[in-house]
């Protein structure tokens, strides 16, 4: 480490340790107030809605399904007309 261009010794990090004796009981943090909103339930509902029926994908039968409008056809070709 240098100070004003001159060597000032080795820079050693200062480690902060516990400031209270170990025998002193620590105060328990106060419990946060309940908001009344079920966040986990909201996330689970959004996941269930996005997942649809929850049925697994049968990749063996995927090629047998009819092609959807505007996209890739069963034979692998793409639509050439522009979507509106």
PDB file of N, CA and C in Angstrom:
ATOM      1  N   UNK A   1       0.851  -1.151   0.000  1.00  0.00           N
ATOM      2  CA  UNK A   1       0.000   0.000   0.000  1.00  0.00           C
ATOM      3  C   UNK A   1       0.911   1.233   0.000  1.00  0.00           C
ATOM      4  N   UNK A   2       0.482   2.276  -0.702  1.00  0.00           N
ATOM      5  CA  UNK A   2       1.270   3.502  -0.793  1.00  0.00           C
ATOM      6  C   UNK A   2       0.436   4.688  -0.308  1.00  0.00           C
ATOM      7  N   UNK A   3       1.107   5.641   0.309  1.00  0.00           N
ATOM      8  CA  UNK A   3       0.489   6.870   0.765  1.00  0.00           C
ATOM      9  C   UNK A   3       1.362   8.016   0.289  1.00  0.00           C
ATOM     10  N   UNK A   4       0.815   8.875  -0.519  1.00  0.00           N
ATOM     11  CA  UNK A   4       1.546  10.002  -1.103  1.00  0.00           C
ATOM     12  C   UNK A   4       2.773   9.527  -1.880  1.00  0.00           C
ATOM     13  N   UNK A   5       2.629   8.368  -2.574  1.00  0.00           N
ATOM     14  CA  UNK A   5       3.700   7.852  -3.389  1.00  0.00           C
ATOM     15  C   UNK A   5       4.779   7.096  -2.643  1.00  0.00           C
ATOM     16  N   UNK A   6       4.653   6.940  -1.333  1.00  0.00           N
ATOM     17  CA  UNK A   6       5.659   6.244  -0.541  1.00  0.00           C
ATOM     18  C   UNK A   6       5.049   4.970   0.032  1.00  0.00           C
ATOM     19  N   UNK A   7       5.822   3.902   0.178  1.00  0.00           N
ATOM     20  CA  UNK A   7       5.284   2.672   0.768  1.00  0.00           C
ATOM     21  C   UNK A   7       4.818   2.922   2.204  1.00  0.00           C
ATOM     22  N   UNK A   8       3.600   2.433   2.506  1.00  0.00           N
ATOM     23  CA  UNK A   8       3.029   2.656   3.835  1.00  0.00           C
ATOM     24  C   UNK A   8       2.727   1.358   4.556  1.00  0.00           C
ATOM     25  N   UNK A   9       3.257   0.226   4.084  1.00  0.00           N
ATOM     26  CA  UNK A   9       3.039  -1.048   4.756  1.00  0.00           C
ATOM     27  C   UNK A   9       2.045  -1.910   3.993  1.00  0.00           C
ATOM     28  N   UNK A  10       1.772  -3.060   4.553  1.00  0.00           N
ATOM     29  CA  UNK A  10       0.859  -4.022   3.937  1.00  0.00           C
ATOM     30  C   UNK A  10      -0.585  -3.672   4.308  1.00  0.00           C
ATOM     31  N   UNK A  11      -1.455  -3.768   3.331  1.00  0.00           N
ATOM     32  CA  UNK A  11      -2.880  -3.527   3.582  1.00  0.00           C
ATOM     33  C   UNK A  11      -3.505  -4.827   4.078  1.00  0.00           C
ATOM     34  N   UNK A  12      -3.950  -4.838   5.323  1.00  0.00           N
ATOM     35  CA  UNK A  12      -4.554  -6.013   5.931  1.00  0.00           C
ATOM     36  C   UNK A  12      -6.005  -5.686   6.241  1.00  0.00           C
ATOM     37  N   UNK A  13      -6.968  -6.516   5.779  1.00  0.00           N
ATOM     38  CA  UNK A  13      -8.375  -6.215   6.059  1.00  0.00           C
ATOM     39  C   UNK A  13      -8.689  -6.332   7.545  1.00  0.00           C
ATOM     40  N   UNK A  14      -9.521  -5.452   8.027  1.00  0.00           N
ATOM     41  CA  UNK A  14      -9.945  -5.460   9.417  1.00  0.00           C
ATOM     42  C   UNK A  14     -11.213  -6.297   9.517  1.00  0.00           C
ATOM     43  N   UNK A  15     -11.205  -7.324  10.339  1.00  0.00           N
ATOM     44  CA  UNK A  15     -12.349  -8.216  10.477  1.00  0.00           C
ATOM     45  C   UNK A  15     -13.129  -7.825  11.722  1.00  0.00           C
ATOM     46  N   UNK A  16     -14.398  -7.489  11.534  1.00  0.00           N
ATOM     47  CA  UNK A  16     -15.272  -7.113  12.639  1.00  0.00           C
ATOM     48  C   UNK A  16     -15.876  -8.375  13.226  1.00  0.00           C
ATOM     49  N   UNK A  17     -15.804  -8.507  14.508  1.00  0.00           N
ATOM     50  CA  UNK A  17     -16.338  -9.689  15.176  1.00  0.00           C
ATOM     51  C   UNK A  17     -17.519  -9.296  16.060  1.00  0.00           C
ATOM     52  N   UNK A  18     -18.005 -10.258  16.821  1.00  0.00           N
ATOM     53  CA  UNK A  18     -19.148 -10.061  17.701  1.00  0.00           C
ATOM     54  C   UNK A  18     -18.826  -8.986  18.733  1.00  0.00           C
ATOM     55  N   UNK A  19     -19.779  -8.075  18.964  1.00  0.00           N
ATOM     56  CA  UNK A  19     -19.537  -6.967  19.884  1.00  0.00           C
ATOM     57  C   UNK A  19     -20.168  -7.180  21.254  1.00  0.00           C
ATOM     58  N   UNK A  20     -20.874  -8.287  21.436  1.00  0.00           N
ATOM     59  CA  UNK A  20     -21.571  -8.562  22.691  1.00  0.00           C
ATOM     60  C   UNK A  20     -21.060  -9.894  23.233  1.00  0.00           C
ATOM     61  N   UNK A  21     -20.981  -9.992  24.525  1.00  0.00           N
ATOM     62  CA  UNK A  21     -20.543 -11.232  25.149  1.00  0.00           C
ATOM     63  C   UNK A  21     -21.497 -12.363  24.781  1.00  0.00           C
ATOM     64  N   UNK A  22     -20.954 -13.557  24.593  1.00  0.00           N
ATOM     65  CA  UNK A  22     -21.761 -14.696  24.149  1.00  0.00           C
ATOM     66  C   UNK A  22     -22.828 -15.101  25.153  1.00  0.00           C
ATOM     67  N   UNK A  23     -22.624 -14.818  26.416  1.00  0.00           N
ATOM     68  CA  UNK A  23     -23.589 -15.205  27.441  1.00  0.00           C
ATOM     69  C   UNK A  23     -24.826 -14.304  27.448  1.00  0.00           C
ATOM     70  N   UNK A  24     -24.750 -13.147  26.814  1.00  0.00           N
ATOM     71  CA  UNK A  24     -25.890 -12.226  26.781  1.00  0.00           C
ATOM     72  C   UNK A  24     -26.905 -12.749  25.764  1.00  0.00           C
ATOM     73  N   UNK A  25     -28.159 -12.972  26.205  1.00  0.00           N
ATOM     74  CA  UNK A  25     -29.172 -13.481  25.263  1.00  0.00           C
ATOM     75  C   UNK A  25     -29.511 -12.415  24.217  1.00  0.00           C
ATOM     76  N   UNK A  26     -29.658 -12.861  23.002  1.00  0.00           N
ATOM     77  CA  UNK A  26     -29.994 -11.950  21.907  1.00  0.00           C
ATOM     78  C   UNK A  26     -31.505 -11.800  21.819  1.00  0.00           C
ATOM     79  N   UNK A  27     -31.939 -10.602  21.534  1.00  0.00           N
ATOM     80  CA  UNK A  27     -33.368 -10.338  21.392  1.00  0.00           C
ATOM     81  C   UNK A  27     -33.868 -10.950  20.094  1.00  0.00           C
ATOM     82  N   UNK A  28     -35.027 -11.587  20.149  1.00  0.00           N
ATOM     83  CA  UNK A  28     -35.619 -12.192  18.955  1.00  0.00           C
ATOM     84  C   UNK A  28     -36.210 -11.076  18.089  1.00  0.00           C
ATOM     85  N   UNK A  29     -35.999 -11.142  16.772  1.00  0.00           N
ATOM     86  CA  UNK A  29     -36.579 -10.116  15.910  1.00  0.00           C
ATOM     87  C   UNK A  29     -38.104 -10.193  15.929  1.00  0.00           C
ATOM     88  N   UNK A  30     -38.729  -9.062  15.844  1.00  0.00           N
ATOM     89  CA  UNK A  30     -40.194  -9.016  15.860  1.00  0.00           C
ATOM     90  C   UNK A  30     -40.740  -9.628  14.575  1.00  0.00           C
ATOM     91  N   UNK A  31     -41.835 -10.362  14.690  1.00  0.00           N
ATOM     92  CA  UNK A  31     -42.458 -10.981  13.520  1.00  0.00           C
ATOM     93  C   UNK A  31     -43.094  -9.898  12.662  1.00  0.00           C
ATOM     94  N   UNK A  32     -42.937  -9.956  11.344  1.00  0.00           N
ATOM     95  CA  UNK A  32     -43.551  -8.945  10.483  1.00  0.00           C
ATOM     96  C   UNK A  32     -45.071  -9.077  10.499  1.00  0.00           C
ATOM     97  N   UNK A  33     -45.723  -7.977  10.317  1.00  0.00           N
ATOM     98  CA  UNK A  33     -47.189  -7.972  10.312  1.00  0.00           C
ATOM     99  C   UNK A  33     -47.701  -8.670   9.058  1.00  0.00           C
ATOM    100  N   UNK A  34     -48.747  -9.461   9.217  1.00  0.00           N
ATOM    101  CA  UNK A  34     -49.338 -10.175   8.081  1.00  0.00           C
ATOM    102  C   UNK A  34     -50.054  -9.192   7.165  1.00  0.00           C
ATOM    103  N   UNK A  35     -49.886  -9.374   5.854  1.00  0.00           N
ATOM    104  CA  UNK A  35     -50.530  -8.483   4.886  1.00  0.00           C
ATOM    105  C   UNK A  35     -51.906  -8.972   4.482  1.00  0.00           C
ATOM    106  N   UNK A  36     -52.168 -10.273   4.700  1.00  0.00           N
ATOM    107  CA  UNK A  36     -53.456 -10.824   4.305  1.00  0.00           C
ATOM    108  C   UNK A  36     -53.488 -11.262   2.854  1.00  0.00           C
ATOM    109  N   UNK A  37     -52.374 -11.155   2.143  1.00  0.00           N
ATOM    110  CA  UNK A  37     -52.311 -11.556   0.741  1.00  0.00           C
ATOM    111  C   UNK A  37     -51.583 -12.892   0.665  1.00  0.00           C
ATOM    112  N   UNK A  38     -52.199 -13.862   0.033  1.00  0.00           N
ATOM    113  CA  UNK A  38     -51.612 -15.192  -0.122  1.00  0.00           C
ATOM    114  C   UNK A  38     -50.770 -15.211  -1.395  1.00  0.00           C
ATOM    115  N   UNK A  39     -49.510 -14.760  -1.280  1.00  0.00           N
ATOM    116  CA  UNK A  39     -48.642 -14.668  -2.454  1.00  0.00           C
ATOM    117  C   UNK A  39     -48.359 -16.040  -3.058  1.00  0.00           C
ATOM    118  N   UNK A  40     -48.132 -17.047  -2.219  1.00  0.00           N
ATOM    119  CA  UNK A  40     -47.868 -18.376  -2.729  1.00  0.00           C
ATOM    120  C   UNK A  40     -49.084 -18.919  -3.479  1.00  0.00           C
ATOM    121  N   UNK A  41     -50.259 -18.642  -2.967  1.00  0.00           N
ATOM    122  CA  UNK A  41     -51.483 -19.057  -3.652  1.00  0.00           C
ATOM    123  C   UNK A  41     -51.646 -18.361  -4.995  1.00  0.00           C
ATOM    124  N   UNK A  42     -51.289 -17.067  -5.071  1.00  0.00           N
ATOM    125  CA  UNK A  42     -51.371 -16.337  -6.333  1.00  0.00           C
ATOM    126  C   UNK A  42     -50.404 -16.904  -7.366  1.00  0.00           C
ATOM    127  N   UNK A  43     -49.197 -17.226  -6.929  1.00  0.00           N
ATOM    128  CA  UNK A  43     -48.214 -17.798  -7.846  1.00  0.00           C
ATOM    129  C   UNK A  43     -48.671 -19.170  -8.317  1.00  0.00           C
ATOM    130  N   UNK A  44     -49.193 -19.986  -7.409  1.00  0.00           N
ATOM    131  CA  UNK A  44     -49.666 -21.322  -7.781  1.00  0.00           C
ATOM    132  C   UNK A  44     -50.842 -21.232  -8.749  1.00  0.00           C
ATOM    133  N   UNK A  45     -51.758 -20.292  -8.535  1.00  0.00           N
ATOM    134  CA  UNK A  45     -52.894 -20.129  -9.435  1.00  0.00           C
ATOM    135  C   UNK A  45     -52.442 -19.674 -10.814  1.00  0.00           C
ATOM    136  N   UNK A  46     -51.486 -18.748 -10.868  1.00  0.00           N
ATOM    137  CA  UNK A  46     -50.970 -18.289 -12.163  1.00  0.00           C
ATOM    138  C   UNK A  46     -50.257 -19.425 -12.883  1.00  0.00           C
ATOM    139  N   UNK A  47     -49.541 -20.250 -12.136  1.00  0.00           N
ATOM    140  CA  UNK A  47     -48.853 -21.392 -12.753  1.00  0.00           C
ATOM    141  C   UNK A  47     -49.864 -22.396 -13.293  1.00  0.00           C
ATOM    142  N   UNK A  48     -50.893 -22.700 -12.519  1.00  0.00           N
ATOM    143  CA  UNK A  48     -51.916 -23.644 -12.967  1.00  0.00           C
ATOM    144  C   UNK A  48     -52.640 -23.127 -14.206  1.00  0.00           C
ATOM    145  N   UNK A  49     -52.901 -21.822 -14.239  1.00  0.00           N
ATOM    146  CA  UNK A  49     -53.581 -21.228 -15.394  1.00  0.00           C
ATOM    147  C   UNK A  49     -52.701 -21.291 -16.637  1.00  0.00           C
ATOM    148  N   UNK A  50     -51.417 -21.027 -16.465  1.00  0.00           N
ATOM    149  CA  UNK A  50     -50.498 -21.055 -17.603  1.00  0.00           C
ATOM    150  C   UNK A  50     -50.223 -22.484 -18.057  1.00  0.00           C
ATOM    151  N   UNK A  51     -50.272 -23.428 -17.149  1.00  0.00           N
ATOM    152  CA  UNK A  51     -49.973 -24.812 -17.492  1.00  0.00           C
ATOM    153  C   UNK A  51     -51.124 -25.481 -18.220  1.00  0.00           C
ATOM    154  N   UNK A  52     -52.325 -24.939 -18.123  1.00  0.00           N
ATOM    155  CA  UNK A  52     -53.477 -25.543 -18.794  1.00  0.00           C
ATOM    156  C   UNK A  52     -53.981 -26.736 -18.028  1.00  0.00           C
ATOM    157  N   UNK A  53     -54.205 -27.806 -18.746  1.00  0.00           N
ATOM    158  CA  UNK A  53     -54.797 -28.987 -18.123  1.00  0.00           C
ATOM    159  C   UNK A  53     -53.802 -29.782 -17.314  1.00  0.00           C
ATOM    160  N   UNK A  54     -52.535 -29.574 -17.552  1.00  0.00           N
ATOM    161  CA  UNK A  54     -51.529 -30.315 -16.826  1.00  0.00           C
ATOM    162  C   UNK A  54     -51.216 -31.649 -17.471  1.00  0.00           C
ATOM    163  N   UNK A  55     -51.791 -31.930 -18.653  1.00  0.00           N
ATOM    164  CA  UNK A  55     -51.516 -33.182 -19.345  1.00  0.00           C
ATOM    165  C   UNK A  55     -50.092 -33.167 -19.892  1.00  0.00           C
ATOM    166  N   UNK A  56     -49.473 -34.318 -19.924  1.00  0.00           N
ATOM    167  CA  UNK A  56     -48.123 -34.406 -20.452  1.00  0.00           C
ATOM    168  C   UNK A  56     -48.160 -34.406 -21.980  1.00  0.00           C
ATOM    169  N   UNK A  57     -47.074 -34.022 -22.588  1.00  0.00           N
ATOM    170  CA  UNK A  57     -46.975 -33.974 -24.040  1.00  0.00           C
ATOM    171  C   UNK A  57     -46.541 -35.343 -24.541  1.00  0.00           C
ATOM    172  N   UNK A  58     -47.314 -35.894 -25.467  1.00  0.00           N
ATOM    173  CA  UNK A  58     -46.967 -37.165 -26.087  1.00  0.00           C
ATOM    174  C   UNK A  58     -46.231 -36.858 -27.383  1.00  0.00           C
ATOM    175  N   UNK A  59     -44.910 -36.868 -27.331  1.00  0.00           N
ATOM    176  CA  UNK A  59     -44.110 -36.480 -28.484  1.00  0.00           C
ATOM    177  C   UNK A  59     -44.249 -37.463 -29.641  1.00  0.00           C
ATOM    178  N   UNK A  60     -44.611 -38.705 -29.372  1.00  0.00           N
ATOM    179  CA  UNK A  60     -44.789 -39.682 -30.437  1.00  0.00           C
ATOM    180  C   UNK A  60     -46.005 -39.340 -31.295  1.00  0.00           C
ATOM    181  N   UNK A  61     -47.042 -38.744 -30.705  1.00  0.00           N
ATOM    182  CA  UNK A  61     -48.253 -38.405 -31.437  1.00  0.00           C
ATOM    183  C   UNK A  61     -48.258 -36.959 -31.907  1.00  0.00           C
ATOM    184  N   UNK A  62     -47.209 -36.200 -31.636  1.00  0.00           N
ATOM    185  CA  UNK A  62     -47.172 -34.786 -31.956  1.00  0.00           C
ATOM    186  C   UNK A  62     -47.309 -34.533 -33.455  1.00  0.00           C
ATOM    187  N   UNK A  63     -46.707 -35.356 -34.291  1.00  0.00           N
ATOM    188  CA  UNK A  63     -46.799 -35.186 -35.739  1.00  0.00           C
ATOM    189  C   UNK A  63     -48.159 -35.509 -36.294  1.00  0.00           C
ATOM    190  N   UNK A  64     -48.995 -36.226 -35.535  1.00  0.00           N
ATOM    191  CA  UNK A  64     -50.331 -36.611 -35.995  1.00  0.00           C
ATOM    192  C   UNK A  64     -51.373 -35.532 -35.753  1.00  0.00           C
ATOM    193  N   UNK A  65     -51.044 -34.537 -34.950  1.00  0.00           N
ATOM    194  CA  UNK A  65     -51.995 -33.483 -34.627  1.00  0.00           C
ATOM    195  C   UNK A  65     -52.174 -32.553 -35.819  1.00  0.00           C
ATOM    196  N   UNK A  66     -53.379 -31.982 -35.994  1.00  0.00           N
ATOM    197  CA  UNK A  66     -53.575 -31.027 -37.096  1.00  0.00           C
ATOM    198  C   UNK A  66     -52.766 -29.759 -36.843  1.00  0.00           C
ATOM    199  N   UNK A  67     -52.351 -29.108 -37.938  1.00  0.00           N
ATOM    200  CA  UNK A  67     -51.564 -27.876 -37.821  1.00  0.00           C
ATOM    201  C   UNK A  67     -52.455 -26.741 -37.340  1.00  0.00           C
ATOM    202  N   UNK A  68     -51.891 -25.839 -36.575  1.00  0.00           N
ATOM    203  CA  UNK A  68     -52.640 -24.680 -36.106  1.00  0.00           C
ATOM    204  C   UNK A  68     -52.644 -23.605 -37.179  1.00  0.00           C
ATOM    205  N   UNK A  69     -53.577 -22.666 -37.079  1.00  0.00           N
ATOM    206  CA  UNK A  69     -53.655 -21.570 -38.050  1.00  0.00           C
ATOM    207  C   UNK A  69     -52.484 -20.629 -37.847  1.00  0.00           C
ATOM    208  N   UNK A  70     -51.808 -20.275 -38.931  1.00  0.00           N
ATOM    209  CA  UNK A  70     -50.731 -19.292 -38.868  1.00  0.00           C
ATOM    210  C   UNK A  70     -49.536 -19.792 -38.104  1.00  0.00           C
ATOM    211  N   UNK A  71     -48.723 -20.551 -38.717  1.00  0.00           N
ATOM    212  CA  UNK A  71     -47.547 -21.066 -38.029  1.00  0.00           C
ATOM    213  C   UNK A  71     -46.929 -22.161 -38.842  1.00  0.00           C
ATOM    214  N   UNK A  72     -46.465 -23.167 -38.188  1.00  0.00           N
ATOM    215  CA  UNK A  72     -45.813 -24.270 -38.875  1.00  0.00           C
ATOM    216  C   UNK A  72     -46.838 -25.356 -39.150  1.00  0.00           C
ATOM    217  N   UNK A  73     -46.813 -25.895 -40.361  1.00  0.00           N
ATOM    218  CA  UNK A  73     -47.732 -26.958 -40.749  1.00  0.00           C
ATOM    219  C   UNK A  73     -47.162 -28.306 -40.358  1.00  0.00           C
ATOM    220  N   UNK A  74     -47.997 -29.334 -40.459  1.00  0.00           N
ATOM    221  CA  UNK A  74     -47.579 -30.682 -40.082  1.00  0.00           C
ATOM    222  C   UNK A  74     -46.417 -31.177 -40.938  1.00  0.00           C
ATOM    223  N   UNK A  75     -46.338 -30.692 -42.200  1.00  0.00           N
ATOM    224  CA  UNK A  75     -45.241 -31.128 -43.069  1.00  0.00           C
ATOM    225  C   UNK A  75     -43.971 -30.321 -42.845  1.00  0.00           C
ATOM    226  N   UNK A  76     -43.982 -29.363 -41.921  1.00  0.00           N
ATOM    227  CA  UNK A  76     -42.790 -28.589 -41.594  1.00  0.00           C
ATOM    228  C   UNK A  76     -42.687 -27.266 -42.314  1.00  0.00           C
ATOM    229  N   UNK A  77     -43.586 -26.984 -43.292  1.00  0.00           N
ATOM    230  CA  UNK A  77     -43.516 -25.718 -44.025  1.00  0.00           C
ATOM    231  C   UNK A  77     -44.112 -24.589 -43.189  1.00  0.00           C
ATOM    232  N   UNK A  78     -43.687 -23.375 -43.474  1.00  0.00           N
ATOM    233  CA  UNK A  78     -44.136 -22.184 -42.741  1.00  0.00           C
ATOM    234  C   UNK A  78     -45.167 -21.426 -43.574  1.00  0.00           C
ATOM    235  N   UNK A  79     -46.047 -20.652 -42.891  1.00  0.00           N
ATOM    236  CA  UNK A  79     -46.951 -19.751 -43.603  1.00  0.00           C
ATOM    237  C   UNK A  79     -46.151 -18.623 -44.202  1.00  0.00           C
ATOM    238  N   UNK A  80     -46.496 -18.241 -45.436  1.00  0.00           N
ATOM    239  CA  UNK A  80     -45.768 -17.152 -46.092  1.00  0.00           C
ATOM    240  C   UNK A  80     -46.515 -15.841 -46.022  1.00  0.00           C
ATOM    241  N   UNK A  81     -47.808 -15.864 -45.749  1.00  0.00           N
ATOM    242  CA  UNK A  81     -48.563 -14.614 -45.670  1.00  0.00           C
ATOM    243  C   UNK A  81     -48.330 -13.934 -44.331  1.00  0.00           C
ATOM    244  N   UNK A  82     -48.382 -12.618 -44.358  1.00  0.00           N
ATOM    245  CA  UNK A  82     -48.103 -11.836 -43.141  1.00  0.00           C
ATOM    246  C   UNK A  82     -49.299 -11.899 -42.204  1.00  0.00           C
ATOM    247  N   UNK A  83     -49.021 -11.971 -40.934  1.00  0.00           N
ATOM    248  CA  UNK A  83     -50.091 -11.954 -39.925  1.00  0.00           C
ATOM    249  C   UNK A  83     -50.523 -10.532 -39.669  1.00  0.00           C
ATOM    250  N   UNK A  84     -51.775 -10.374 -39.342  1.00  0.00           N
ATOM    251  CA  UNK A  84     -52.307  -9.043 -39.052  1.00  0.00           C
ATOM    252  C   UNK A  84     -52.568  -8.897 -37.591  1.00  0.00           C
TER     253      UNK A  84
END
